[in-house]
Amino acid sequence: MREILGRRLRRLRNRLKSLRPVPGQSGDPALLDTALTCATAWQWPVLPGVGRCGADGRRCACPDPDCVVPGAHPFDPGLLAATTDPRMVAWWWANRPAAPVLLATGGAAPCAVSLPAAAAARAVVRLDAQGMRLGPIVATPTRWSLLVAPYSLERLGELLYAKDHVPSALRFHGEGGYLLLPPSPASGGGQVRWERRPAGAGSPWLPEVEAVVDALVEASSGASGGGSRLAY
């Protein structure tokens, strides 16, 4: 199966090379590789982020001059266009080779729980020491996102309602959300990377959201001064 997927990806990449590139655009071939791997090997729906423009490459290409996540969000195509169709993925990145890769979270796709980078690093060390099995982890310079199995908004609501306290630093990327994937440029500068890469040839294993949230809430308790180890 792994050889079949590998041959399929190579054919798609070769086909992409034959397409006419958009004048004046260049990008990291690893962006296309990531998008195709997500769509074909893992069956994760993806789409291109809006990207950046301007002489310094810092301004978001969307119409909002005050965009708070420059380049790192959907815009034409919108989030609902996310797909696992390799032909569509290849066409998108043929025309926009520098576009960030966005995972549309929820539904049958992975979801994520994110927290500030420093707190996440401490929490992951603690969870590893406890023997907890974690899935892939996506890292930006400011936040880490722990990928989890798909969950519904209702399920998440019940989980959070049952907790006496949930650190405000936690963010949830569920149904109707999206997540920036490596090696896309991060919105605040730097690059998105895998802190923990997906393992195996097929779709990566993912923990349940309850296990991750329970562990993170426990890891945040008992900080000196009554604060949270997961604080910003």
Foldseek 3Di string as FASTA:
>chain_A
DLVVLVVVLVVLVVVLVPDDADPPADADVVQLVVLLCCLRFAVFFKDFFQAADDPVRQAAPDPDRPDPQRLPAHDVPHLVPTHSPSVVSSVRCSHHVHTFIKTQAADQHWKKKKFFDVLVVVLVVVCVVVVDDFFWWKDDNTMIITIAGADDPVVVVVLVVPDPDADPRMDIAHHRGMDTHPQHAGRVGDGMDIPGDFDDRHHGDHHHPNVVRVSQVVQQADDPPGGGSRDD
